[in-house]
Amino acid sequence: MRISPCLSLLLAAGAVHGADATIARGLQAAHLAVVINDAEPNSVEVGEYYRQAHAIPVANIVHVNIPNRPRKLSASQFAQLKEYIDGQLKPGIQAVLMVWSAPYAVECNSITSAYTLGYDAAQCAKTCGAGKASTYFNSDAGQPFTQLGMRLSMLLPIDFVEEAKAVVDRGTASGFSVPSATAYYLNTSDGARNSRAAFFPPAGVVRQRKLTIRNMKADVLEGAQDIMVYQTGMAKVDKLDTLRFLPGALADHLTSFGGDLQGTAQMSSQRWLEAGATASYGTVSEPCNYWQKFPNPTVLLRRYLSGMTALEAYWGSVSWPAQGLFIGDPLAAPYAPFRR
């Protein structure tokens, strides 16, 4: 489904002015499986911390063993891993959280997209080619596996235990109260990375959600202390240390290798989590700058404000997600009236 710039404005207007919009309940803890890598002590510790923080049923925990922290799995290695994970899942599981920093790619696919959609070999034959459309894009399916055959997935990096736990703490805190906040959209001087600027929601105030929307022509945001959403297009985003992200904040930058968490050529999307965001997104291989391969700002905002979780909002905002890695706390939901 392609969204034109005009339609994106209409959808955004609905988010801004739709006082009577129904608030989605969102994914529940009972629907989420947590996959722990027993070969990594950090994964074991953070996985248990996550389980307790979000009251995940013990029966939803899956243990795997992936030694040596490989960045990338082959298609055959991944197929074995997925078969094992799926074999441990009880009925009713709609989503999966992988608690590790690596592996995060399967050939040219992200591990989250390969898990949810299946490995896409055609995309790897031409990474700059068009991707396969996700049936979950802009979907309101409340049970993606039951309704669409897709178990949504996210990865929680655990390089540093305290930083990972801080992400979890922000995810749980996001369910208690909704502060006054701002969504920032930066139209930068980097033209190639501004392919989704036409989909930035119009400036305004969502009074029912206490959210201000700001559109800026700038390369950097500095000093903002009320961030709920920050989306931009740059290879590296500066001044992150001057910012304050609120619990549940979403942040991402359109660039080629944001999902290459251990790469150095461009800024890793993991830097957003380290700066205080609760969830983010980035591509693991060269996607070229199709807007469809990155979170659509209008769709993402509409979904999040409707009460969906970070997992549902992010996954539903990417039309062609094969190369995209979803990271953070999947259950963060600052605009949901009920969490469990």
C-alpha atoms as a PDB file:
ATOM      1  CA  MET A   1       0.000   0.000   0.000  1.00  0.00           C
ATOM      2  CA  ARG A   2       1.575   3.271  -1.088  1.00  0.00           C
ATOM      3  CA  ILE A   3       0.777   6.398   0.866  1.00  0.00           C
ATOM      4  CA  SER A   4       0.959   9.636  -1.082  1.00  0.00           C
ATOM      5  CA  PRO A   5       2.171  12.839   0.581  1.00  0.00           C
ATOM      6  CA  CYS A   6      -1.362  14.235   0.451  1.00  0.00           C
ATOM      7  CA  LEU A   7      -2.832  11.165   2.109  1.00  0.00           C
ATOM      8  CA  SER A   8      -0.069  11.266   4.707  1.00  0.00           C
ATOM      9  CA  LEU A   9      -1.221  14.743   5.668  1.00  0.00           C
ATOM     10  CA  LEU A  10      -4.814  13.531   5.975  1.00  0.00           C
ATOM     11  CA  LEU A  11      -3.739  10.663   8.206  1.00  0.00           C
ATOM     12  CA  ALA A  12      -1.700  13.037  10.323  1.00  0.00           C
ATOM     13  CA  ALA A  13      -4.661  15.387  10.579  1.00  0.00           C
ATOM     14  CA  GLY A  14      -6.708  12.485  11.841  1.00  0.00           C
ATOM     15  CA  ALA A  15      -4.106  11.875  14.533  1.00  0.00           C
ATOM     16  CA  VAL A  16      -4.016  15.549  15.481  1.00  0.00           C
ATOM     17  CA  HIS A  17      -7.739  16.223  15.499  1.00  0.00           C
ATOM     18  CA  GLY A  18      -9.307  12.796  16.095  1.00  0.00           C
ATOM     19  CA  ALA A  19     -10.526  13.197  19.641  1.00  0.00           C
ATOM     20  CA  ASP A  20     -12.958  10.305  19.209  1.00  0.00           C
ATOM     21  CA  ALA A  21     -10.392   7.863  17.807  1.00  0.00           C
ATOM     22  CA  THR A  22     -10.436   4.450  19.452  1.00  0.00           C
ATOM     23  CA  ILE A  23      -7.319   3.691  21.471  1.00  0.00           C
ATOM     24  CA  ALA A  24      -5.838   0.302  20.662  1.00  0.00           C
ATOM     25  CA  ARG A  25      -5.129  -1.998  23.584  1.00  0.00           C
ATOM     26  CA  GLY A  26      -1.904  -3.195  22.007  1.00  0.00           C
ATOM     27  CA  LEU A  27       0.216  -6.305  22.321  1.00  0.00           C
ATOM     28  CA  GLN A  28       0.172  -7.850  25.787  1.00  0.00           C
ATOM     29  CA  ALA A  29       2.958  -9.484  27.801  1.00  0.00           C
ATOM     30  CA  ALA A  30       1.241 -12.866  27.538  1.00  0.00           C
ATOM     31  CA  HIS A  31       1.620 -12.703  23.734  1.00  0.00           C
ATOM     32  CA  LEU A  32       5.394 -12.094  23.771  1.00  0.00           C
ATOM     33  CA  ALA A  33       8.105 -14.763  23.812  1.00  0.00           C
ATOM     34  CA  VAL A  34      11.577 -13.817  25.069  1.00  0.00           C
ATOM     35  CA  VAL A  35      14.516 -15.642  23.466  1.00  0.00           C
ATOM     36  CA  ILE A  36      17.674 -15.806  25.612  1.00  0.00           C
ATOM     37  CA  ASN A  37      21.119 -16.825  24.369  1.00  0.00           C
ATOM     38  CA  ASP A  38      22.585 -19.037  27.083  1.00  0.00           C
ATOM     39  CA  ALA A  39      26.053 -18.613  25.545  1.00  0.00           C
ATOM     40  CA  GLU A  40      26.064 -14.984  26.735  1.00  0.00           C
ATOM     41  CA  PRO A  41      25.821 -14.135  30.459  1.00  0.00           C
ATOM     42  CA  ASN A  42      24.531 -10.650  29.572  1.00  0.00           C
ATOM     43  CA  SER A  43      21.660 -12.163  27.627  1.00  0.00           C
ATOM     44  CA  VAL A  44      20.737 -14.425  30.516  1.00  0.00           C
ATOM     45  CA  GLU A  45      20.782 -11.555  33.033  1.00  0.00           C
ATOM     46  CA  VAL A  46      18.935  -9.035  30.866  1.00  0.00           C
ATOM     47  CA  GLY A  47      16.435 -11.623  29.661  1.00  0.00           C
ATOM     48  CA  GLU A  48      15.418 -12.469  33.208  1.00  0.00           C
ATOM     49  CA  TYR A  49      15.293  -8.771  34.084  1.00  0.00           C
ATOM     50  CA  TYR A  50      12.966  -8.194  31.140  1.00  0.00           C
ATOM     51  CA  ARG A  51      10.759 -11.129  32.113  1.00  0.00           C
ATOM     52  CA  GLN A  52      10.284  -9.802  35.629  1.00  0.00           C
ATOM     53  CA  ALA A  53       9.884  -6.150  34.619  1.00  0.00           C
ATOM     54  CA  HIS A  54       7.087  -6.901  32.159  1.00  0.00           C
ATOM     55  CA  ALA A  55       5.629  -9.935  33.988  1.00  0.00           C
ATOM     56  CA  ILE A  56       6.289 -12.236  31.049  1.00  0.00           C
ATOM     57  CA  PRO A  57       5.034 -15.774  31.810  1.00  0.00           C
ATOM     58  CA  VAL A  58       7.869 -18.224  32.475  1.00  0.00           C
ATOM     59  CA  ALA A  59       6.396 -20.502  29.818  1.00  0.00           C
ATOM     60  CA  ASN A  60       7.133 -17.778  27.229  1.00  0.00           C
ATOM     61  CA  ILE A  61      10.917 -17.957  27.729  1.00  0.00           C
ATOM     62  CA  VAL A  62      12.964 -19.747  25.066  1.00  0.00           C
ATOM     63  CA  HIS A  63      16.638 -20.652  25.552  1.00  0.00           C
ATOM     64  CA  VAL A  64      19.056 -21.005  22.634  1.00  0.00           C
ATOM     65  CA  ASN A  65      22.820 -21.330  22.374  1.00  0.00           C
ATOM     66  CA  ILE A  66      24.617 -19.100  19.854  1.00  0.00           C
ATOM     67  CA  PRO A  67      28.357 -18.979  20.619  1.00  0.00           C
ATOM     68  CA  ASN A  68      30.919 -16.372  19.528  1.00  0.00           C
ATOM     69  CA  ARG A  69      28.505 -13.479  18.812  1.00  0.00           C
ATOM     70  CA  PRO A  70      28.489 -13.659  14.984  1.00  0.00           C
ATOM     71  CA  ARG A  71      27.203 -10.480  13.336  1.00  0.00           C
ATOM     72  CA  LYS A  72      25.609 -12.411  10.513  1.00  0.00           C
ATOM     73  CA  LEU A  73      24.101 -15.867  10.069  1.00  0.00           C
ATOM     74  CA  SER A  74      23.891 -17.794   6.820  1.00  0.00           C
ATOM     75  CA  ALA A  75      20.433 -18.632   5.547  1.00  0.00           C
ATOM     76  CA  SER A  76      20.868 -22.269   6.569  1.00  0.00           C
ATOM     77  CA  GLN A  77      22.131 -21.399  10.057  1.00  0.00           C
ATOM     78  CA  PHE A  78      19.180 -19.094  10.567  1.00  0.00           C
ATOM     79  CA  ALA A  79      16.704 -21.686   9.321  1.00  0.00           C
ATOM     80  CA  GLN A  80      17.898 -24.081  12.037  1.00  0.00           C
ATOM     81  CA  LEU A  81      17.671 -21.363  14.698  1.00  0.00           C
ATOM     82  CA  LYS A  82      14.173 -20.329  13.678  1.00  0.00           C
ATOM     83  CA  GLU A  83      12.946 -23.909  13.553  1.00  0.00           C
ATOM     84  CA  TYR A  84      14.204 -24.466  17.079  1.00  0.00           C
ATOM     85  CA  ILE A  85      12.648 -21.240  18.427  1.00  0.00           C
ATOM     86  CA  ASP A  86       9.310 -21.877  16.752  1.00  0.00           C
ATOM     87  CA  GLY A  87       9.267 -25.404  18.161  1.00  0.00           C
ATOM     88  CA  GLN A  88       9.379 -24.000  21.709  1.00  0.00           C
ATOM     89  CA  LEU A  89       6.559 -21.482  21.334  1.00  0.00           C
ATOM     90  CA  LYS A  90       3.199 -22.130  22.902  1.00  0.00           C
ATOM     91  CA  PRO A  91      -0.062 -21.294  21.091  1.00  0.00           C
ATOM     92  CA  GLY A  92      -1.044 -17.646  21.240  1.00  0.00           C
ATOM     93  CA  ILE A  93       2.474 -16.186  20.932  1.00  0.00           C
ATOM     94  CA  GLN A  94       2.183 -13.223  18.573  1.00  0.00           C
ATOM     95  CA  ALA A  95       5.669 -11.722  18.874  1.00  0.00           C
ATOM     96  CA  VAL A  96       9.259 -12.505  19.824  1.00  0.00           C
ATOM     97  CA  LEU A  97      12.014 -10.511  21.550  1.00  0.00           C
ATOM     98  CA  MET A  98      15.599 -11.657  20.941  1.00  0.00           C
ATOM     99  CA  VAL A  99      17.833 -10.628  23.826  1.00  0.00           C
ATOM    100  CA  TRP A 100      21.311 -10.224  22.326  1.00  0.00           C
ATOM    101  CA  SER A 101      23.388  -7.783  20.308  1.00  0.00           C
ATOM    102  CA  ALA A 102      24.561 -10.235  17.660  1.00  0.00           C
ATOM    103  CA  PRO A 103      23.648 -11.912  15.385  1.00  0.00           C
ATOM    104  CA  TYR A 104      21.571  -9.113  13.890  1.00  0.00           C
ATOM    105  CA  ALA A 105      21.659 -10.060  10.191  1.00  0.00           C
ATOM    106  CA  VAL A 106      20.872 -13.069   8.003  1.00  0.00           C
ATOM    107  CA  GLU A 107      22.860 -12.545   4.817  1.00  0.00           C
ATOM    108  CA  CYS A 108      21.525  -9.106   3.697  1.00  0.00           C
ATOM    109  CA  ASN A 109      18.304  -9.396   5.728  1.00  0.00           C
ATOM    110  CA  SER A 110      17.917  -8.225   9.289  1.00  0.00           C
ATOM    111  CA  ILE A 111      17.362 -11.035  11.770  1.00  0.00           C
ATOM    112  CA  THR A 112      14.064  -9.505  12.887  1.00  0.00           C
ATOM    113  CA  SER A 113      12.665  -9.344   9.359  1.00  0.00           C
ATOM    114  CA  ALA A 114      13.992 -12.795   8.462  1.00  0.00           C
ATOM    115  CA  TYR A 115      12.259 -14.169  11.534  1.00  0.00           C
ATOM    116  CA  THR A 116       8.948 -12.399  10.974  1.00  0.00           C
ATOM    117  CA  LEU A 117       8.672 -12.568   7.185  1.00  0.00           C
ATOM    118  CA  GLY A 118      11.031 -15.383   6.243  1.00  0.00           C
ATOM    119  CA  TYR A 119      14.455 -15.001   4.655  1.00  0.00           C
ATOM    120  CA  ASP A 120      14.249 -12.998   1.399  1.00  0.00           C
ATOM    121  CA  ALA A 121      16.998 -14.241  -0.946  1.00  0.00           C
ATOM    122  CA  ALA A 122      15.746 -12.076  -3.815  1.00  0.00           C
ATOM    123  CA  GLN A 123      16.490  -8.922  -1.834  1.00  0.00           C
ATOM    124  CA  CYS A 124      20.081 -10.074  -1.377  1.00  0.00           C
ATOM    125  CA  ALA A 125      20.493 -10.559  -5.125  1.00  0.00           C
ATOM    126  CA  LYS A 126      19.886  -6.824  -5.455  1.00  0.00           C
ATOM    127  CA  THR A 127      19.925  -4.984  -2.157  1.00  0.00           C
ATOM    128  CA  CYS A 128      19.154  -1.685  -3.886  1.00  0.00           C
ATOM    129  CA  GLY A 129      16.123  -3.156  -5.582  1.00  0.00           C
ATOM    130  CA  ALA A 130      12.528  -2.797  -4.488  1.00  0.00           C
ATOM    131  CA  GLY A 131      11.482  -4.936  -1.547  1.00  0.00           C
ATOM    132  CA  LYS A 132       8.543  -7.212  -0.898  1.00  0.00           C
ATOM    133  CA  ALA A 133       5.553  -5.463   0.604  1.00  0.00           C
ATOM    134  CA  SER A 134       4.690  -6.359   4.181  1.00  0.00           C
ATOM    135  CA  THR A 135       1.050  -7.249   4.727  1.00  0.00           C
ATOM    136  CA  TYR A 136       1.361  -5.731   8.205  1.00  0.00           C
ATOM    137  CA  PHE A 137       2.188  -2.254   6.857  1.00  0.00           C
ATOM    138  CA  ASN A 138      -0.453   0.193   8.120  1.00  0.00           C
ATOM    139  CA  SER A 139      -2.484  -2.787   9.344  1.00  0.00           C
ATOM    140  CA  ASP A 140      -4.693  -2.748  12.413  1.00  0.00           C
ATOM    141  CA  ALA A 141      -4.410  -6.505  12.966  1.00  0.00           C
ATOM    142  CA  GLY A 142      -4.397  -6.960  16.727  1.00  0.00           C
ATOM    143  CA  GLN A 143      -3.013 -10.512  16.546  1.00  0.00           C
ATOM    144  CA  PRO A 144      -0.497 -10.515  13.692  1.00  0.00           C
ATOM    145  CA  PHE A 145       0.378 -14.204  13.912  1.00  0.00           C
ATOM    146  CA  THR A 146      -3.189 -15.417  14.281  1.00  0.00           C
ATOM    147  CA  GLN A 147      -4.525 -13.097  11.598  1.00  0.00           C
ATOM    148  CA  LEU A 148      -1.598 -12.728   9.184  1.00  0.00           C
ATOM    149  CA  GLY A 149       0.787 -15.566   9.998  1.00  0.00           C
ATOM    150  CA  MET A 150       3.475 -13.084  11.119  1.00  0.00           C
ATOM    151  CA  ARG A 151       5.157 -13.159  14.511  1.00  0.00           C
ATOM    152  CA  LEU A 152       6.540  -9.638  14.910  1.00  0.00           C
ATOM    153  CA  SER A 153      10.066  -9.525  16.316  1.00  0.00           C
ATOM    154  CA  MET A 154      12.492  -7.100  17.904  1.00  0.00           C
ATOM    155  CA  LEU A 155      16.056  -7.298  19.216  1.00  0.00           C
ATOM    156  CA  LEU A 156      17.222  -5.911  22.566  1.00  0.00           C
ATOM    157  CA  PRO A 157      20.995  -5.230  22.471  1.00  0.00           C
ATOM    158  CA  ILE A 158      22.866  -6.313  25.613  1.00  0.00           C
ATOM    159  CA  ASP A 159      26.484  -5.152  25.106  1.00  0.00           C
ATOM    160  CA  PHE A 160      26.245  -3.347  28.427  1.00  0.00           C
ATOM    161  CA  VAL A 161      23.895  -4.791  31.027  1.00  0.00           C
ATOM    162  CA  GLU A 162      23.017  -1.524  32.769  1.00  0.00           C
ATOM    163  CA  GLU A 163      22.235   0.221  29.478  1.00  0.00           C
ATOM    164  CA  ALA A 164      20.007  -2.675  28.416  1.00  0.00           C
ATOM    165  CA  LYS A 165      18.220  -2.615  31.750  1.00  0.00           C
ATOM    166  CA  ALA A 166      17.724   1.148  31.379  1.00  0.00           C
ATOM    167  CA  VAL A 167      15.926   0.520  28.072  1.00  0.00           C
ATOM    168  CA  VAL A 168      13.662  -1.976  29.854  1.00  0.00           C
ATOM    169  CA  ASP A 169      13.036   0.493  32.687  1.00  0.00           C
ATOM    170  CA  ARG A 170      11.985   3.136  30.171  1.00  0.00           C
ATOM    171  CA  GLY A 171       9.728   0.634  28.464  1.00  0.00           C
ATOM    172  CA  THR A 172       7.927  -0.233  31.686  1.00  0.00           C
ATOM    173  CA  ALA A 173       7.770   3.411  32.848  1.00  0.00           C
ATOM    174  CA  SER A 174       6.100   4.381  29.567  1.00  0.00           C
ATOM    175  CA  GLY A 175       2.925   2.629  30.663  1.00  0.00           C
ATOM    176  CA  PHE A 176       2.219   4.726  33.751  1.00  0.00           C
ATOM    177  CA  SER A 177       1.587   8.295  32.611  1.00  0.00           C
ATOM    178  CA  VAL A 178       1.725  10.417  29.490  1.00  0.00           C
ATOM    179  CA  PRO A 179       3.806  13.579  29.907  1.00  0.00           C
ATOM    180  CA  SER A 180       3.667  16.635  27.695  1.00  0.00           C
ATOM    181  CA  ALA A 181       5.997  15.766  24.846  1.00  0.00           C
ATOM    182  CA  THR A 182       7.169  16.737  21.368  1.00  0.00           C
ATOM    183  CA  ALA A 183       7.686  14.830  18.129  1.00  0.00           C
ATOM    184  CA  TYR A 184      10.592  16.299  16.161  1.00  0.00           C
ATOM    185  CA  TYR A 185      10.995  15.842  12.398  1.00  0.00           C
ATOM    186  CA  LEU A 186      14.173  17.222  10.824  1.00  0.00           C
ATOM    187  CA  ASN A 187      14.423  17.995   7.117  1.00  0.00           C
ATOM    188  CA  THR A 188      18.209  18.080   6.768  1.00  0.00           C
ATOM    189  CA  SER A 189      20.658  19.352   4.167  1.00  0.00           C
ATOM    190  CA  ASP A 190      21.404  15.724   3.216  1.00  0.00           C
ATOM    191  CA  GLY A 191      19.019  15.438   0.267  1.00  0.00           C
ATOM    192  CA  ALA A 192      19.619  11.738  -0.379  1.00  0.00           C
ATOM    193  CA  ARG A 193      18.577  10.887   3.182  1.00  0.00           C
ATOM    194  CA  ASN A 194      15.455  13.060   3.145  1.00  0.00           C
ATOM    195  CA  SER A 195      13.369  10.749   0.957  1.00  0.00           C
ATOM    196  CA  ARG A 196      10.645  10.465   3.597  1.00  0.00           C
ATOM    197  CA  ALA A 197      10.430  14.180   4.459  1.00  0.00           C
ATOM    198  CA  ALA A 198       7.233  14.450   2.391  1.00  0.00           C
ATOM    199  CA  PHE A 199       5.606  12.128   4.947  1.00  0.00           C
ATOM    200  CA  PHE A 200       6.464  14.200   8.016  1.00  0.00           C
ATOM    201  CA  PRO A 201       3.218  15.032   9.840  1.00  0.00           C
ATOM    202  CA  PRO A 202       2.248  18.711   9.719  1.00  0.00           C
ATOM    203  CA  ALA A 203       3.154  20.889  12.675  1.00  0.00           C
ATOM    204  CA  GLY A 204       0.419  21.077  15.266  1.00  0.00           C
ATOM    205  CA  VAL A 205      -0.764  19.949  18.665  1.00  0.00           C
ATOM    206  CA  VAL A 206      -2.394  16.620  19.531  1.00  0.00           C
ATOM    207  CA  ARG A 207      -4.215  17.912  22.581  1.00  0.00           C
ATOM    208  CA  GLN A 208      -5.685  14.560  23.628  1.00  0.00           C
ATOM    209  CA  ARG A 209      -2.169  13.138  23.799  1.00  0.00           C
ATOM    210  CA  LYS A 210      -0.401  16.281  25.060  1.00  0.00           C
ATOM    211  CA  LEU A 211       1.931  16.059  22.045  1.00  0.00           C
ATOM    212  CA  THR A 212       3.370  18.906  19.993  1.00  0.00           C
ATOM    213  CA  ILE A 213       4.577  18.164  16.452  1.00  0.00           C
ATOM    214  CA  ARG A 214       7.505  20.211  15.172  1.00  0.00           C
ATOM    215  CA  ASN A 215       8.938  20.252  11.655  1.00  0.00           C
ATOM    216  CA  MET A 216      12.408  21.755  11.379  1.00  0.00           C
ATOM    217  CA  LYS A 217      14.835  22.505   8.578  1.00  0.00           C
ATOM    218  CA  ALA A 218      17.988  21.621  10.442  1.00  0.00           C
ATOM    219  CA  ASP A 219      20.813  19.098  10.518  1.00  0.00           C
ATOM    220  CA  VAL A 220      20.772  18.705  14.277  1.00  0.00           C
ATOM    221  CA  LEU A 221      18.457  18.955  17.252  1.00  0.00           C
ATOM    222  CA  GLU A 222      20.147  20.374  20.330  1.00  0.00           C
ATOM    223  CA  GLY A 223      18.977  20.737  23.912  1.00  0.00           C
ATOM    224  CA  ALA A 224      15.426  19.367  23.549  1.00  0.00           C
ATOM    225  CA  GLN A 225      14.210  17.876  26.830  1.00  0.00           C
ATOM    226  CA  ASP A 226      10.781  16.503  25.917  1.00  0.00           C
ATOM    227  CA  ILE A 227      11.328  14.044  23.064  1.00  0.00           C
ATOM    228  CA  MET A 228       8.776  11.339  22.295  1.00  0.00           C
ATOM    229  CA  VAL A 229       9.649  10.986  18.594  1.00  0.00           C
ATOM    230  CA  TYR A 230      12.791  12.098  16.724  1.00  0.00           C
ATOM    231  CA  GLN A 231      13.173  11.245  13.041  1.00  0.00           C
ATOM    232  CA  THR A 232      15.812  12.615  10.721  1.00  0.00           C
ATOM    233  CA  GLY A 233      18.039  11.765   7.769  1.00  0.00           C
ATOM    234  CA  MET A 234      21.790  11.815   8.373  1.00  0.00           C
ATOM    235  CA  ALA A 235      24.674   9.341   8.341  1.00  0.00           C
ATOM    236  CA  LYS A 236      25.561  10.521  11.856  1.00  0.00           C
ATOM    237  CA  VAL A 237      23.376  12.434  14.283  1.00  0.00           C
ATOM    238  CA  ASP A 238      25.182  14.922  16.505  1.00  0.00           C
ATOM    239  CA  LYS A 239      24.325  16.450  19.890  1.00  0.00           C
ATOM    240  CA  LEU A 240      22.578  13.351  21.230  1.00  0.00           C
ATOM    241  CA  ASP A 241      24.225  13.980  24.579  1.00  0.00           C
ATOM    242  CA  THR A 242      22.304  17.259  24.940  1.00  0.00           C
ATOM    243  CA  LEU A 243      18.884  15.628  24.594  1.00  0.00           C
ATOM    244  CA  ARG A 244      16.361  14.092  26.983  1.00  0.00           C
ATOM    245  CA  PHE A 245      14.155  11.312  25.664  1.00  0.00           C
ATOM    246  CA  LEU A 246      10.951  10.529  27.547  1.00  0.00           C
ATOM    247  CA  PRO A 247      10.034   6.946  28.501  1.00  0.00           C
ATOM    248  CA  GLY A 248       8.801   5.163  25.395  1.00  0.00           C
ATOM    249  CA  ALA A 249      10.504   7.545  22.947  1.00  0.00           C
ATOM    250  CA  LEU A 250      11.040   6.375  19.360  1.00  0.00           C
ATOM    251  CA  ALA A 251      14.004   7.666  17.346  1.00  0.00           C
ATOM    252  CA  ASP A 252      15.676   6.723  14.069  1.00  0.00           C
ATOM    253  CA  HIS A 253      17.723   8.165  11.216  1.00  0.00           C
ATOM    254  CA  LEU A 254      17.451   7.329   7.526  1.00  0.00           C
ATOM    255  CA  THR A 255      20.862   6.108   6.449  1.00  0.00           C
ATOM    256  CA  SER A 256      22.224   2.969   4.811  1.00  0.00           C
ATOM    257  CA  PHE A 257      23.780   1.067   7.696  1.00  0.00           C
ATOM    258  CA  GLY A 258      22.025   2.150  10.891  1.00  0.00           C
ATOM    259  CA  GLY A 259      21.132  -1.480  11.567  1.00  0.00           C
ATOM    260  CA  ASP A 260      24.758  -2.598  11.338  1.00  0.00           C
ATOM    261  CA  LEU A 261      25.034  -2.414  15.109  1.00  0.00           C
ATOM    262  CA  GLN A 262      28.753  -3.168  15.220  1.00  0.00           C
ATOM    263  CA  GLY A 263      29.680  -1.250  12.085  1.00  0.00           C
ATOM    264  CA  THR A 264      31.661   1.976  12.122  1.00  0.00           C
ATOM    265  CA  ALA A 265      30.995   3.513   8.702  1.00  0.00           C
ATOM    266  CA  GLN A 266      27.782   5.211   9.870  1.00  0.00           C
ATOM    267  CA  MET A 267      25.987   5.765  13.157  1.00  0.00           C
ATOM    268  CA  SER A 268      24.444   2.614  14.570  1.00  0.00           C
ATOM    269  CA  SER A 269      20.799   2.801  15.588  1.00  0.00           C
ATOM    270  CA  GLN A 270      21.966   1.455  18.938  1.00  0.00           C
ATOM    271  CA  ARG A 271      23.277   4.961  19.681  1.00  0.00           C
ATOM    272  CA  TRP A 272      19.655   6.091  19.974  1.00  0.00           C
ATOM    273  CA  LEU A 273      19.047   3.613  22.785  1.00  0.00           C
ATOM    274  CA  GLU A 274      22.240   4.688  24.513  1.00  0.00           C
ATOM    275  CA  ALA A 275      21.075   8.314  24.288  1.00  0.00           C
ATOM    276  CA  GLY A 276      17.759   7.489  25.987  1.00  0.00           C
ATOM    277  CA  ALA A 277      15.316   6.323  23.319  1.00  0.00           C
ATOM    278  CA  THR A 278      13.299   3.170  23.980  1.00  0.00           C
ATOM    279  CA  ALA A 279      13.086   1.774  20.437  1.00  0.00           C
ATOM    280  CA  SER A 280      14.715   2.391  17.065  1.00  0.00           C
ATOM    281  CA  TYR A 281      15.244   1.047  13.557  1.00  0.00           C
ATOM    282  CA  GLY A 282      18.006   0.774  10.967  1.00  0.00           C
ATOM    283  CA  THR A 283      18.943  -1.216   7.871  1.00  0.00           C
ATOM    284  CA  VAL A 284      21.700  -3.850   7.942  1.00  0.00           C
ATOM    285  CA  SER A 285      22.667  -3.691   4.235  1.00  0.00           C
ATOM    286  CA  GLU A 286      22.658  -1.028   1.502  1.00  0.00           C
ATOM    287  CA  PRO A 287      18.962  -0.362   0.825  1.00  0.00           C
ATOM    288  CA  CYS A 288      19.279   2.806  -1.265  1.00  0.00           C
ATOM    289  CA  ASN A 289      16.941   5.531  -0.110  1.00  0.00           C
ATOM    290  CA  TYR A 290      13.517   4.089  -0.831  1.00  0.00           C
ATOM    291  CA  TRP A 291      11.194   5.595   1.744  1.00  0.00           C
ATOM    292  CA  GLN A 292       9.401   2.239   1.811  1.00  0.00           C
ATOM    293  CA  LYS A 293      12.420   0.630   3.508  1.00  0.00           C
ATOM    294  CA  PHE A 294      12.256   3.013   6.472  1.00  0.00           C
ATOM    295  CA  PRO A 295       9.608   3.942   9.051  1.00  0.00           C
ATOM    296  CA  ASN A 296       6.934   6.131   7.507  1.00  0.00           C
ATOM    297  CA  PRO A 297       6.669   9.063   9.947  1.00  0.00           C
ATOM    298  CA  THR A 298       2.933   9.604   9.612  1.00  0.00           C
ATOM    299  CA  VAL A 299       2.035   5.930   9.944  1.00  0.00           C
ATOM    300  CA  LEU A 300       4.410   5.463  12.876  1.00  0.00           C
ATOM    301  CA  LEU A 301       2.967   8.433  14.759  1.00  0.00           C
ATOM    302  CA  ARG A 302      -0.650   7.479  14.076  1.00  0.00           C
ATOM    303  CA  ARG A 303      -0.090   3.946  15.307  1.00  0.00           C
ATOM    304  CA  TYR A 304       1.799   4.968  18.432  1.00  0.00           C
ATOM    305  CA  LEU A 305      -0.736   7.616  19.400  1.00  0.00           C
ATOM    306  CA  SER A 306      -3.544   5.087  18.933  1.00  0.00           C
ATOM    307  CA  GLY A 307      -2.128   3.092  21.854  1.00  0.00           C
ATOM    308  CA  MET A 308      -0.087   0.468  20.028  1.00  0.00           C
ATOM    309  CA  THR A 309       3.210  -0.792  21.405  1.00  0.00           C
ATOM    310  CA  ALA A 310       6.571   0.272  19.997  1.00  0.00           C
ATOM    311  CA  LEU A 311       6.768  -3.109  18.270  1.00  0.00           C
ATOM    312  CA  GLU A 312       3.402  -2.731  16.557  1.00  0.00           C
ATOM    313  CA  ALA A 313       3.949   0.922  15.676  1.00  0.00           C
ATOM    314  CA  TYR A 314       7.403   0.406  14.159  1.00  0.00           C
ATOM    315  CA  TRP A 315       6.623  -2.829  12.307  1.00  0.00           C
ATOM    316  CA  GLY A 316       3.434  -1.378  10.867  1.00  0.00           C
ATOM    317  CA  SER A 317       5.232   1.715   9.593  1.00  0.00           C
ATOM    318  CA  VAL A 318       7.711  -0.005   7.251  1.00  0.00           C
ATOM    319  CA  SER A 319       6.389  -1.104   3.866  1.00  0.00           C
ATOM    320  CA  TRP A 320       9.459  -3.072   2.686  1.00  0.00           C
ATOM    321  CA  PRO A 321      11.199  -4.240   5.895  1.00  0.00           C
ATOM    322  CA  ALA A 322      13.470  -7.090   4.688  1.00  0.00           C
ATOM    323  CA  GLN A 323      16.676  -5.180   5.448  1.00  0.00           C
ATOM    324  CA  GLY A 324      15.421  -3.373   8.530  1.00  0.00           C
ATOM    325  CA  LEU A 325      16.341  -4.216  12.121  1.00  0.00           C
ATOM    326  CA  PHE A 326      13.869  -3.332  14.881  1.00  0.00           C
ATOM    327  CA  ILE A 327      15.518  -2.787  18.275  1.00  0.00           C
ATOM    328  CA  GLY A 328      14.481  -1.799  21.798  1.00  0.00           C
ATOM    329  CA  ASP A 329      11.655  -2.674  24.177  1.00  0.00           C
ATOM    330  CA  PRO A 330       8.717  -4.040  22.167  1.00  0.00           C
ATOM    331  CA  LEU A 331       6.132  -3.496  24.919  1.00  0.00           C
ATOM    332  CA  ALA A 332       6.718   0.233  25.429  1.00  0.00           C
ATOM    333  CA  ALA A 333       3.353   1.956  24.962  1.00  0.00           C
ATOM    334  CA  PRO A 334       3.052   5.435  26.475  1.00  0.00           C
ATOM    335  CA  TYR A 335      -0.370   6.048  24.902  1.00  0.00           C
ATOM    336  CA  ALA A 336      -2.040   2.754  25.806  1.00  0.00           C
ATOM    337  CA  PRO A 337      -4.646   2.943  28.597  1.00  0.00           C
ATOM    338  CA  PHE A 338      -4.095  -0.700  29.576  1.00  0.00           C
ATOM    339  CA  ARG A 339      -0.768  -2.538  29.623  1.00  0.00           C
ATOM    340  CA  ARG A 340      -1.589  -6.043  30.872  1.00  0.00           C
END
